[in-house]
N, C-alpha and C. Protein backbone atom coordinates (compact mmCIF):
# COMPACT_ATOMS: atom_id res chain seq x y z
N UNK A 1 17.36 -8.64 10.07
CA UNK A 1 16.04 -8.04 10.15
C UNK A 1 15.93 -6.95 9.09
N UNK A 2 14.85 -6.97 8.34
CA UNK A 2 14.61 -5.92 7.35
C UNK A 2 14.02 -4.70 8.04
N UNK A 3 14.50 -3.55 7.65
CA UNK A 3 14.00 -2.29 8.18
C UNK A 3 13.42 -1.51 7.01
N UNK A 4 12.11 -1.23 7.10
CA UNK A 4 11.42 -0.57 5.99
C UNK A 4 11.17 0.89 6.31
N UNK A 5 11.51 1.75 5.36
CA UNK A 5 11.28 3.18 5.50
C UNK A 5 9.79 3.45 5.69
N UNK A 6 8.96 2.80 4.89
CA UNK A 6 7.51 2.93 4.98
C UNK A 6 6.89 1.55 4.93
N UNK A 7 5.91 1.30 5.78
CA UNK A 7 5.14 0.06 5.73
C UNK A 7 3.91 0.29 4.86
N UNK A 8 3.27 -0.78 4.38
CA UNK A 8 2.12 -0.60 3.48
C UNK A 8 1.02 0.32 4.03
N UNK A 9 0.67 0.16 5.30
CA UNK A 9 -0.39 1.02 5.84
C UNK A 9 0.06 2.48 5.90
N UNK A 10 1.35 2.72 6.10
CA UNK A 10 1.86 4.08 6.10
C UNK A 10 1.82 4.66 4.69
N UNK A 11 2.15 3.85 3.69
CA UNK A 11 2.07 4.31 2.29
C UNK A 11 0.64 4.67 1.92
N UNK A 12 -0.32 3.85 2.35
CA UNK A 12 -1.74 4.12 2.04
C UNK A 12 -2.17 5.44 2.69
N UNK A 13 -1.83 5.63 3.96
CA UNK A 13 -2.20 6.86 4.67
C UNK A 13 -1.57 8.09 4.03
N UNK A 14 -0.25 8.00 3.79
CA UNK A 14 0.45 9.16 3.25
C UNK A 14 -0.02 9.52 1.85
N UNK A 15 -0.37 8.51 1.06
CA UNK A 15 -0.89 8.78 -0.28
C UNK A 15 -2.17 9.60 -0.21
N UNK A 16 -3.04 9.23 0.72
CA UNK A 16 -4.30 9.98 0.89
C UNK A 16 -4.02 11.37 1.42
N UNK A 17 -3.14 11.49 2.39
CA UNK A 17 -2.81 12.82 2.94
C UNK A 17 -2.30 13.76 1.84
N UNK A 18 -1.45 13.23 0.99
CA UNK A 18 -0.90 14.07 -0.10
C UNK A 18 -1.97 14.48 -1.10
N UNK A 19 -2.87 13.54 -1.42
CA UNK A 19 -3.94 13.88 -2.36
C UNK A 19 -4.94 14.85 -1.76
N UNK A 20 -5.14 14.77 -0.44
CA UNK A 20 -6.12 15.63 0.22
C UNK A 20 -5.62 17.06 0.40
N UNK A 21 -4.32 17.24 0.43
CA UNK A 21 -3.75 18.56 0.67
C UNK A 21 -4.26 19.56 -0.37
N UNK A 22 -4.86 20.64 0.13
CA UNK A 22 -5.38 21.70 -0.73
C UNK A 22 -6.81 21.50 -1.21
N UNK A 23 -7.43 20.36 -0.89
CA UNK A 23 -8.81 20.13 -1.30
C UNK A 23 -9.78 20.75 -0.29
N UNK A 24 -10.93 21.21 -0.80
CA UNK A 24 -11.96 21.71 0.12
C UNK A 24 -12.83 20.54 0.57
N UNK A 25 -13.75 20.79 1.49
CA UNK A 25 -14.55 19.72 2.09
C UNK A 25 -15.41 18.99 1.06
N UNK A 26 -15.96 19.71 0.10
CA UNK A 26 -16.78 19.05 -0.94
C UNK A 26 -15.93 18.09 -1.77
N UNK A 27 -14.73 18.49 -2.10
CA UNK A 27 -13.83 17.62 -2.86
C UNK A 27 -13.43 16.40 -2.04
N UNK A 28 -13.19 16.61 -0.76
CA UNK A 28 -12.84 15.49 0.12
C UNK A 28 -14.02 14.54 0.25
N UNK A 29 -15.22 15.07 0.39
CA UNK A 29 -16.41 14.20 0.49
C UNK A 29 -16.60 13.37 -0.78
N UNK A 30 -16.28 13.93 -1.93
CA UNK A 30 -16.34 13.16 -3.18
C UNK A 30 -15.31 12.03 -3.15
N UNK A 31 -14.13 12.30 -2.62
CA UNK A 31 -13.10 11.26 -2.50
C UNK A 31 -13.53 10.19 -1.49
N UNK A 32 -14.25 10.58 -0.44
CA UNK A 32 -14.78 9.60 0.52
C UNK A 32 -15.73 8.66 -0.21
N UNK A 33 -16.60 9.23 -1.04
CA UNK A 33 -17.57 8.42 -1.79
C UNK A 33 -16.85 7.46 -2.73
N UNK A 34 -15.86 7.95 -3.45
CA UNK A 34 -15.11 7.10 -4.38
C UNK A 34 -14.34 6.01 -3.64
N UNK A 35 -13.77 6.35 -2.50
CA UNK A 35 -13.03 5.35 -1.70
C UNK A 35 -13.98 4.29 -1.16
N UNK A 36 -15.19 4.70 -0.81
CA UNK A 36 -16.18 3.72 -0.33
C UNK A 36 -16.57 2.77 -1.46
N UNK A 37 -16.75 3.31 -2.66
CA UNK A 37 -17.07 2.47 -3.81
C UNK A 37 -15.94 1.48 -4.08
N UNK A 38 -14.70 1.95 -4.00
CA UNK A 38 -13.55 1.08 -4.23
C UNK A 38 -13.49 -0.03 -3.18
N UNK A 39 -13.76 0.32 -1.92
CA UNK A 39 -13.74 -0.68 -0.86
C UNK A 39 -14.85 -1.71 -1.08
N UNK A 40 -16.04 -1.26 -1.46
CA UNK A 40 -17.15 -2.17 -1.72
C UNK A 40 -16.81 -3.11 -2.87
N UNK A 41 -16.25 -2.57 -3.94
CA UNK A 41 -15.87 -3.39 -5.09
C UNK A 41 -14.78 -4.40 -4.71
N UNK A 42 -13.80 -3.96 -3.93
CA UNK A 42 -12.72 -4.86 -3.51
C UNK A 42 -13.27 -6.00 -2.65
N UNK A 43 -14.33 -5.73 -1.90
CA UNK A 43 -14.94 -6.75 -1.05
C UNK A 43 -15.68 -7.82 -1.83
N UNK A 44 -16.00 -7.54 -3.09
CA UNK A 44 -16.72 -8.53 -3.90
C UNK A 44 -15.78 -9.45 -4.66
N UNK A 45 -14.50 -9.13 -4.68
CA UNK A 45 -13.52 -9.94 -5.40
C UNK A 45 -13.11 -11.15 -4.56
N UNK A 46 -12.55 -12.16 -5.20
CA UNK A 46 -12.10 -13.33 -4.43
C UNK A 46 -11.06 -12.92 -3.38
N UNK A 47 -11.10 -13.61 -2.25
CA UNK A 47 -10.17 -13.31 -1.17
C UNK A 47 -8.75 -13.65 -1.58
N UNK A 48 -7.83 -12.78 -1.23
CA UNK A 48 -6.42 -13.00 -1.56
C UNK A 48 -5.76 -13.84 -0.46
N UNK A 49 -4.75 -14.61 -0.85
CA UNK A 49 -4.12 -15.51 0.13
C UNK A 49 -3.25 -14.82 1.17
N UNK A 50 -2.98 -13.58 1.05
CA UNK A 50 -2.11 -12.86 2.00
C UNK A 50 -2.91 -11.75 2.68
N UNK A 51 -2.38 -11.27 3.80
CA UNK A 51 -3.10 -10.22 4.53
C UNK A 51 -3.04 -8.87 3.81
N UNK A 52 -2.00 -8.62 3.05
CA UNK A 52 -1.91 -7.39 2.28
C UNK A 52 -2.72 -7.60 1.01
N UNK A 53 -3.91 -7.03 0.97
CA UNK A 53 -4.83 -7.29 -0.13
C UNK A 53 -5.42 -5.99 -0.66
N UNK A 54 -6.09 -6.12 -1.79
CA UNK A 54 -6.79 -4.97 -2.38
C UNK A 54 -7.82 -4.43 -1.39
N UNK A 55 -8.55 -5.34 -0.72
CA UNK A 55 -9.57 -4.92 0.25
C UNK A 55 -8.93 -4.17 1.41
N UNK A 56 -7.82 -4.67 1.91
CA UNK A 56 -7.15 -4.01 3.04
C UNK A 56 -6.67 -2.61 2.64
N UNK A 57 -6.08 -2.49 1.47
CA UNK A 57 -5.61 -1.19 0.99
C UNK A 57 -6.79 -0.23 0.82
N UNK A 58 -7.88 -0.70 0.21
CA UNK A 58 -9.06 0.14 0.01
C UNK A 58 -9.66 0.57 1.35
N UNK A 59 -9.67 -0.35 2.31
CA UNK A 59 -10.19 -0.05 3.64
C UNK A 59 -9.35 1.05 4.31
N UNK A 60 -8.03 0.92 4.25
CA UNK A 60 -7.14 1.93 4.85
C UNK A 60 -7.36 3.30 4.23
N UNK A 61 -7.46 3.34 2.91
CA UNK A 61 -7.64 4.62 2.22
C UNK A 61 -9.01 5.22 2.51
N UNK A 62 -10.05 4.39 2.52
CA UNK A 62 -11.40 4.89 2.82
C UNK A 62 -11.44 5.48 4.22
N UNK A 63 -10.88 4.76 5.20
CA UNK A 63 -10.85 5.29 6.57
C UNK A 63 -10.12 6.61 6.65
N UNK A 64 -9.02 6.73 5.91
CA UNK A 64 -8.25 7.97 5.95
C UNK A 64 -9.04 9.13 5.34
N UNK A 65 -9.73 8.90 4.23
CA UNK A 65 -10.55 9.95 3.63
C UNK A 65 -11.66 10.39 4.58
N UNK A 66 -12.32 9.42 5.23
CA UNK A 66 -13.39 9.75 6.19
C UNK A 66 -12.82 10.55 7.37
N UNK A 67 -11.66 10.16 7.85
CA UNK A 67 -11.04 10.86 8.97
C UNK A 67 -10.71 12.30 8.59
N UNK A 68 -10.19 12.50 7.39
CA UNK A 68 -9.84 13.85 6.94
C UNK A 68 -11.09 14.71 6.82
N UNK A 69 -12.17 14.14 6.28
CA UNK A 69 -13.43 14.89 6.18
C UNK A 69 -13.91 15.30 7.57
N UNK A 70 -13.81 14.41 8.52
CA UNK A 70 -14.23 14.71 9.89
C UNK A 70 -13.37 15.83 10.50
N UNK A 71 -12.06 15.75 10.32
CA UNK A 71 -11.15 16.77 10.86
C UNK A 71 -11.45 18.13 10.22
N UNK A 72 -11.68 18.14 8.93
CA UNK A 72 -11.97 19.40 8.25
C UNK A 72 -13.25 20.04 8.77
N UNK A 73 -14.29 19.22 8.95
CA UNK A 73 -15.56 19.74 9.45
C UNK A 73 -15.42 20.21 10.90
N UNK A 74 -14.72 19.43 11.71
CA UNK A 74 -14.56 19.75 13.12
C UNK A 74 -13.73 21.02 13.33
N UNK A 75 -12.70 21.19 12.52
CA UNK A 75 -11.79 22.34 12.66
C UNK A 75 -12.14 23.49 11.72
N UNK A 76 -13.22 23.34 10.96
CA UNK A 76 -13.66 24.38 10.02
C UNK A 76 -12.55 24.80 9.07
N UNK A 77 -11.85 23.82 8.51
CA UNK A 77 -10.77 24.09 7.56
C UNK A 77 -11.36 24.41 6.19
N UNK A 78 -10.97 25.52 5.58
CA UNK A 78 -11.45 25.78 4.21
C UNK A 78 -10.83 24.80 3.22
N UNK A 79 -9.56 24.46 3.44
CA UNK A 79 -8.88 23.43 2.64
C UNK A 79 -8.04 22.60 3.61
N UNK A 80 -7.78 21.36 3.20
CA UNK A 80 -7.04 20.47 4.09
C UNK A 80 -5.55 20.78 4.07
N UNK A 81 -4.99 20.89 5.26
CA UNK A 81 -3.55 21.10 5.44
C UNK A 81 -3.07 20.09 6.48
N UNK A 82 -2.21 19.14 6.09
CA UNK A 82 -1.72 18.15 7.06
C UNK A 82 -1.03 18.79 8.27
N UNK A 83 -0.44 19.95 8.10
CA UNK A 83 0.24 20.61 9.22
C UNK A 83 -0.74 21.07 10.29
N UNK A 84 -2.04 21.16 9.95
CA UNK A 84 -3.07 21.55 10.92
C UNK A 84 -3.86 20.34 11.42
N UNK A 85 -3.42 19.15 11.07
CA UNK A 85 -4.11 17.91 11.44
C UNK A 85 -3.24 17.18 12.47
N UNK A 86 -3.64 17.22 13.75
CA UNK A 86 -2.82 16.60 14.79
C UNK A 86 -2.53 15.11 14.55
N UNK A 87 -3.50 14.39 14.00
CA UNK A 87 -3.27 12.97 13.78
C UNK A 87 -2.27 12.73 12.65
N UNK A 88 -2.31 13.55 11.62
CA UNK A 88 -1.34 13.42 10.52
C UNK A 88 0.07 13.66 11.06
N UNK A 89 0.21 14.61 11.94
CA UNK A 89 1.51 14.89 12.55
C UNK A 89 1.93 13.69 13.41
N UNK A 90 0.99 13.15 14.17
CA UNK A 90 1.29 12.00 15.02
C UNK A 90 1.66 10.77 14.20
N UNK A 91 1.00 10.56 13.05
CA UNK A 91 1.35 9.44 12.17
C UNK A 91 2.83 9.50 11.76
N UNK A 92 3.27 10.69 11.38
CA UNK A 92 4.66 10.83 10.94
C UNK A 92 5.61 10.64 12.11
N UNK A 93 5.26 11.17 13.28
CA UNK A 93 6.10 10.97 14.46
C UNK A 93 6.20 9.49 14.80
N UNK A 94 5.08 8.75 14.71
CA UNK A 94 5.07 7.32 15.00
C UNK A 94 5.91 6.55 13.98
N UNK A 95 5.84 6.95 12.71
CA UNK A 95 6.63 6.27 11.68
C UNK A 95 8.12 6.47 11.96
N UNK A 96 8.50 7.70 12.27
CA UNK A 96 9.91 7.98 12.54
C UNK A 96 10.38 7.24 13.80
N UNK A 97 9.54 7.15 14.80
CA UNK A 97 9.89 6.41 16.02
C UNK A 97 10.03 4.92 15.71
N UNK A 98 9.10 4.36 14.92
CA UNK A 98 9.18 2.95 14.53
C UNK A 98 10.47 2.69 13.75
N UNK A 99 10.78 3.56 12.82
CA UNK A 99 11.98 3.42 12.01
C UNK A 99 13.24 3.46 12.89
N UNK A 100 13.26 4.39 13.82
CA UNK A 100 14.41 4.50 14.73
C UNK A 100 14.54 3.24 15.58
N UNK A 101 13.42 2.72 16.09
CA UNK A 101 13.46 1.49 16.90
C UNK A 101 13.86 0.29 16.05
N UNK A 102 13.33 0.20 14.84
CA UNK A 102 13.70 -0.90 13.95
C UNK A 102 15.20 -0.90 13.66
N UNK A 103 15.74 0.28 13.41
CA UNK A 103 17.17 0.39 13.14
C UNK A 103 17.99 0.02 14.38
N UNK A 104 17.53 0.43 15.55
CA UNK A 104 18.24 0.12 16.78
C UNK A 104 18.23 -1.38 17.07
N UNK A 105 17.16 -2.07 16.69
CA UNK A 105 17.02 -3.50 16.96
C UNK A 105 17.34 -4.37 15.75
N UNK A 106 18.00 -3.81 14.78
CA UNK A 106 18.26 -4.55 13.54
C UNK A 106 19.35 -5.60 13.69
N UNK A 107 19.99 -5.66 14.84
CA UNK A 107 21.03 -6.67 15.06
C UNK A 107 22.35 -6.32 14.43
N UNK A 108 22.56 -5.08 14.10
CA UNK A 108 23.81 -4.64 13.49
C UNK A 108 24.89 -4.60 14.55
N UNK A 109 25.98 -5.38 14.40
CA UNK A 109 27.06 -5.36 15.39
C UNK A 109 27.70 -3.97 15.48
N UNK A 110 28.20 -3.66 16.66
CA UNK A 110 28.87 -2.37 16.86
C UNK A 110 30.05 -2.23 15.91
N UNK A 111 30.25 -1.03 15.45
CA UNK A 111 31.39 -0.74 14.61
C UNK A 111 31.12 -0.89 13.12
N UNK A 112 29.97 -1.45 12.75
CA UNK A 112 29.65 -1.59 11.32
C UNK A 112 28.77 -0.42 10.88
N UNK A 113 28.77 -0.20 9.60
CA UNK A 113 27.96 0.87 9.04
C UNK A 113 26.48 0.61 9.35
N UNK A 114 25.73 1.67 9.63
CA UNK A 114 24.31 1.47 9.93
C UNK A 114 23.56 0.93 8.72
N UNK A 115 22.49 0.21 8.99
CA UNK A 115 21.66 -0.36 7.93
C UNK A 115 20.89 0.77 7.26
N UNK A 116 20.83 0.71 5.95
CA UNK A 116 20.04 1.66 5.17
C UNK A 116 18.60 1.14 5.12
N UNK A 117 17.61 1.95 5.51
CA UNK A 117 16.22 1.48 5.44
C UNK A 117 15.83 1.12 4.00
N UNK A 118 15.04 0.06 3.85
CA UNK A 118 14.59 -0.38 2.54
C UNK A 118 13.41 0.46 2.09
N UNK A 119 13.45 0.91 0.86
CA UNK A 119 12.35 1.70 0.31
C UNK A 119 11.57 0.80 -0.64
N UNK A 120 10.67 0.04 -0.07
CA UNK A 120 9.85 -0.88 -0.85
C UNK A 120 8.54 -0.23 -1.25
N UNK A 121 7.95 -0.80 -2.27
CA UNK A 121 6.63 -0.39 -2.74
C UNK A 121 5.73 -1.61 -2.69
N UNK A 122 4.43 -1.39 -2.84
CA UNK A 122 3.48 -2.50 -2.88
C UNK A 122 3.07 -2.71 -4.33
N UNK A 123 3.15 -3.97 -4.76
CA UNK A 123 2.80 -4.35 -6.13
C UNK A 123 1.63 -5.32 -6.14
N UNK A 124 0.77 -5.19 -7.14
CA UNK A 124 -0.34 -6.12 -7.37
C UNK A 124 0.10 -7.06 -8.47
N UNK A 125 0.02 -8.36 -8.20
CA UNK A 125 0.40 -9.38 -9.17
C UNK A 125 -0.85 -10.18 -9.50
N UNK A 126 -1.15 -10.30 -10.77
CA UNK A 126 -2.30 -11.10 -11.22
C UNK A 126 -1.79 -12.21 -12.12
N UNK A 127 -2.48 -13.33 -12.10
CA UNK A 127 -2.08 -14.46 -12.93
C UNK A 127 -3.22 -15.41 -13.17
N UNK A 128 -2.98 -16.35 -14.05
CA UNK A 128 -3.97 -17.37 -14.36
C UNK A 128 -3.24 -18.67 -14.67
N UNK A 129 -3.93 -19.80 -14.52
CA UNK A 129 -3.27 -21.08 -14.81
C UNK A 129 -2.81 -21.14 -16.26
N UNK A 130 -1.68 -21.78 -16.48
CA UNK A 130 -1.17 -21.97 -17.83
C UNK A 130 -2.20 -22.76 -18.62
N UNK A 131 -2.47 -22.33 -19.83
CA UNK A 131 -3.42 -23.02 -20.70
C UNK A 131 -4.79 -22.39 -20.74
N UNK A 132 -5.15 -21.57 -19.74
CA UNK A 132 -6.44 -20.89 -19.78
C UNK A 132 -6.26 -19.58 -20.54
N UNK A 133 -7.19 -19.27 -21.39
CA UNK A 133 -7.05 -18.08 -22.24
C UNK A 133 -8.18 -17.09 -22.00
N UNK A 134 -8.37 -16.71 -20.75
CA UNK A 134 -9.37 -15.72 -20.40
C UNK A 134 -8.63 -14.47 -19.92
N UNK A 135 -8.30 -13.56 -20.84
CA UNK A 135 -7.46 -12.42 -20.48
C UNK A 135 -8.10 -11.47 -19.47
N UNK A 136 -9.43 -11.54 -19.28
CA UNK A 136 -10.06 -10.61 -18.36
C UNK A 136 -10.15 -11.14 -16.94
N UNK A 137 -10.11 -12.46 -16.76
CA UNK A 137 -10.23 -13.03 -15.43
C UNK A 137 -8.89 -13.53 -14.93
N UNK A 138 -8.54 -13.09 -13.75
CA UNK A 138 -7.31 -13.56 -13.13
C UNK A 138 -7.65 -14.73 -12.22
N UNK A 139 -6.81 -15.74 -12.23
CA UNK A 139 -6.97 -16.87 -11.33
C UNK A 139 -6.64 -16.45 -9.91
N UNK A 140 -5.67 -15.57 -9.77
CA UNK A 140 -5.30 -15.09 -8.45
C UNK A 140 -4.79 -13.66 -8.57
N UNK A 141 -4.90 -12.96 -7.46
CA UNK A 141 -4.33 -11.62 -7.32
C UNK A 141 -3.68 -11.59 -5.95
N UNK A 142 -2.45 -11.16 -5.89
CA UNK A 142 -1.76 -11.00 -4.61
C UNK A 142 -1.07 -9.65 -4.59
N UNK A 143 -0.85 -9.15 -3.40
CA UNK A 143 -0.11 -7.92 -3.21
C UNK A 143 1.12 -8.25 -2.38
N UNK A 144 2.25 -7.67 -2.75
CA UNK A 144 3.46 -7.90 -1.97
C UNK A 144 4.35 -6.68 -2.02
N UNK A 145 5.24 -6.60 -1.04
CA UNK A 145 6.21 -5.51 -0.98
C UNK A 145 7.48 -5.96 -1.68
N UNK A 146 8.05 -5.07 -2.47
CA UNK A 146 9.30 -5.36 -3.16
C UNK A 146 10.00 -4.03 -3.45
N UNK A 147 11.29 -4.13 -3.72
CA UNK A 147 12.08 -2.94 -3.99
C UNK A 147 11.93 -2.40 -5.40
N UNK A 148 11.48 -3.26 -6.32
CA UNK A 148 11.33 -2.83 -7.72
C UNK A 148 10.30 -3.71 -8.40
N UNK A 149 9.86 -3.27 -9.57
CA UNK A 149 8.90 -4.03 -10.36
C UNK A 149 9.49 -5.38 -10.74
N UNK A 150 10.76 -5.40 -11.14
CA UNK A 150 11.38 -6.66 -11.55
C UNK A 150 11.51 -7.62 -10.37
N UNK A 151 11.82 -7.11 -9.19
CA UNK A 151 11.89 -7.97 -8.01
C UNK A 151 10.51 -8.54 -7.68
N UNK A 152 9.47 -7.72 -7.78
CA UNK A 152 8.10 -8.20 -7.53
C UNK A 152 7.72 -9.28 -8.53
N UNK A 153 8.05 -9.07 -9.80
CA UNK A 153 7.73 -10.06 -10.83
C UNK A 153 8.47 -11.36 -10.57
N UNK A 154 9.73 -11.27 -10.19
CA UNK A 154 10.52 -12.48 -9.93
C UNK A 154 9.95 -13.24 -8.73
N UNK A 155 9.64 -12.52 -7.65
CA UNK A 155 9.09 -13.18 -6.47
C UNK A 155 7.74 -13.83 -6.78
N UNK A 156 6.93 -13.16 -7.59
CA UNK A 156 5.65 -13.75 -7.98
C UNK A 156 5.86 -14.99 -8.83
N UNK A 157 6.79 -14.93 -9.77
CA UNK A 157 7.06 -16.10 -10.61
C UNK A 157 7.58 -17.25 -9.76
N UNK A 158 8.47 -16.95 -8.80
CA UNK A 158 9.05 -17.99 -7.95
C UNK A 158 7.97 -18.72 -7.15
N UNK A 159 6.95 -17.98 -6.71
CA UNK A 159 5.89 -18.58 -5.92
C UNK A 159 4.79 -19.17 -6.78
N UNK A 160 4.40 -18.49 -7.84
CA UNK A 160 3.20 -18.88 -8.59
C UNK A 160 3.47 -19.42 -9.98
N UNK A 161 4.60 -19.09 -10.58
CA UNK A 161 4.79 -19.40 -11.98
C UNK A 161 5.63 -20.60 -12.30
N UNK A 162 6.55 -20.97 -11.45
CA UNK A 162 7.46 -22.05 -11.82
C UNK A 162 6.87 -23.42 -11.47
N UNK A 163 7.21 -24.40 -12.25
CA UNK A 163 6.75 -25.76 -11.93
C UNK A 163 7.26 -26.16 -10.55
N UNK A 164 6.38 -26.76 -9.78
CA UNK A 164 6.75 -27.18 -8.44
C UNK A 164 6.70 -26.05 -7.43
N UNK A 165 6.18 -24.90 -7.82
CA UNK A 165 6.05 -23.77 -6.90
C UNK A 165 4.96 -24.04 -5.87
N UNK A 166 4.77 -23.09 -4.98
CA UNK A 166 3.79 -23.23 -3.91
C UNK A 166 2.39 -23.47 -4.46
N UNK A 167 2.04 -22.81 -5.54
CA UNK A 167 0.72 -22.93 -6.14
C UNK A 167 0.87 -23.61 -7.49
N UNK A 168 -0.27 -23.96 -8.10
CA UNK A 168 -0.18 -24.62 -9.41
C UNK A 168 0.55 -23.71 -10.40
N UNK A 169 1.07 -24.29 -11.43
CA UNK A 169 1.81 -23.52 -12.42
C UNK A 169 0.87 -22.48 -13.04
N UNK A 170 1.25 -21.23 -12.94
CA UNK A 170 0.42 -20.13 -13.43
C UNK A 170 1.24 -19.21 -14.30
N UNK A 171 0.54 -18.50 -15.14
CA UNK A 171 1.14 -17.47 -15.98
C UNK A 171 0.90 -16.14 -15.29
N UNK A 172 1.94 -15.42 -14.97
CA UNK A 172 1.81 -14.09 -14.38
C UNK A 172 1.36 -13.16 -15.50
N UNK A 173 0.18 -12.57 -15.34
CA UNK A 173 -0.37 -11.73 -16.41
C UNK A 173 -0.08 -10.25 -16.23
N UNK A 174 0.11 -9.81 -14.97
CA UNK A 174 0.45 -8.40 -14.77
C UNK A 174 1.10 -8.19 -13.42
N UNK A 175 1.98 -7.21 -13.38
CA UNK A 175 2.61 -6.76 -12.15
C UNK A 175 2.57 -5.24 -12.22
N UNK A 176 1.89 -4.63 -11.24
CA UNK A 176 1.79 -3.17 -11.27
C UNK A 176 1.95 -2.60 -9.87
N UNK A 177 2.56 -1.45 -9.78
CA UNK A 177 2.75 -0.77 -8.51
C UNK A 177 1.43 -0.14 -8.10
N UNK A 178 1.04 -0.35 -6.82
CA UNK A 178 -0.19 0.25 -6.33
C UNK A 178 0.04 1.21 -5.16
N UNK A 179 1.10 1.01 -4.37
CA UNK A 179 1.42 1.93 -3.27
C UNK A 179 2.92 2.19 -3.25
N UNK A 180 3.36 3.40 -3.14
CA UNK A 180 2.56 4.57 -3.44
C UNK A 180 2.15 4.53 -4.90
N UNK A 181 1.13 5.25 -5.22
CA UNK A 181 0.67 5.23 -6.61
C UNK A 181 1.77 5.74 -7.52
N UNK A 182 1.87 5.17 -8.72
CA UNK A 182 2.93 5.62 -9.63
C UNK A 182 2.93 7.14 -9.77
N UNK A 183 4.11 7.71 -9.70
CA UNK A 183 4.25 9.16 -9.78
C UNK A 183 4.43 9.81 -8.42
N UNK A 184 3.97 9.12 -7.36
CA UNK A 184 4.17 9.65 -6.01
C UNK A 184 5.52 9.17 -5.51
N UNK A 185 6.22 10.02 -4.82
CA UNK A 185 7.50 9.61 -4.26
C UNK A 185 7.48 9.80 -2.76
N UNK A 186 8.06 8.87 -2.07
CA UNK A 186 8.15 8.94 -0.61
C UNK A 186 9.58 8.79 -0.21
């Protein structure tokens, strides 16, 4: 059983919490507006074949920005501080409890070293069928969890790029980290 330090929805929430820290309500409301625009735009794109999608990520982030704006208004916070947000505290407690339970149920026999939680990130993979030369349009976009950019690229190639793969032979055009956003560390 794989044990993940952070799940995609936790990465999306924590990314927003970190960006919101120190912002005033007007700045948070601007982020709510931008997150809503991103969610609307993601909803107009073709549906992705997996549940972890651009739309799902945008939805999670938009909800988190709206929630933070509500907490700030309700608690009259001049600037956002996660330590004063009961739900932010509860999110972290729930993550730690999930991690502890996952480790306990990981099937590790007694006497062996404990399993190290996997620190995966979420990557966006775009591609197009071999032979099509439209660099701006992707034939498909998928999001997946992987430990590194090279692992994400390999898994995408294995599924989408090789002859006889699950989907038609495609050229992987880009692999980029989306959660946590590059530069953020968890």
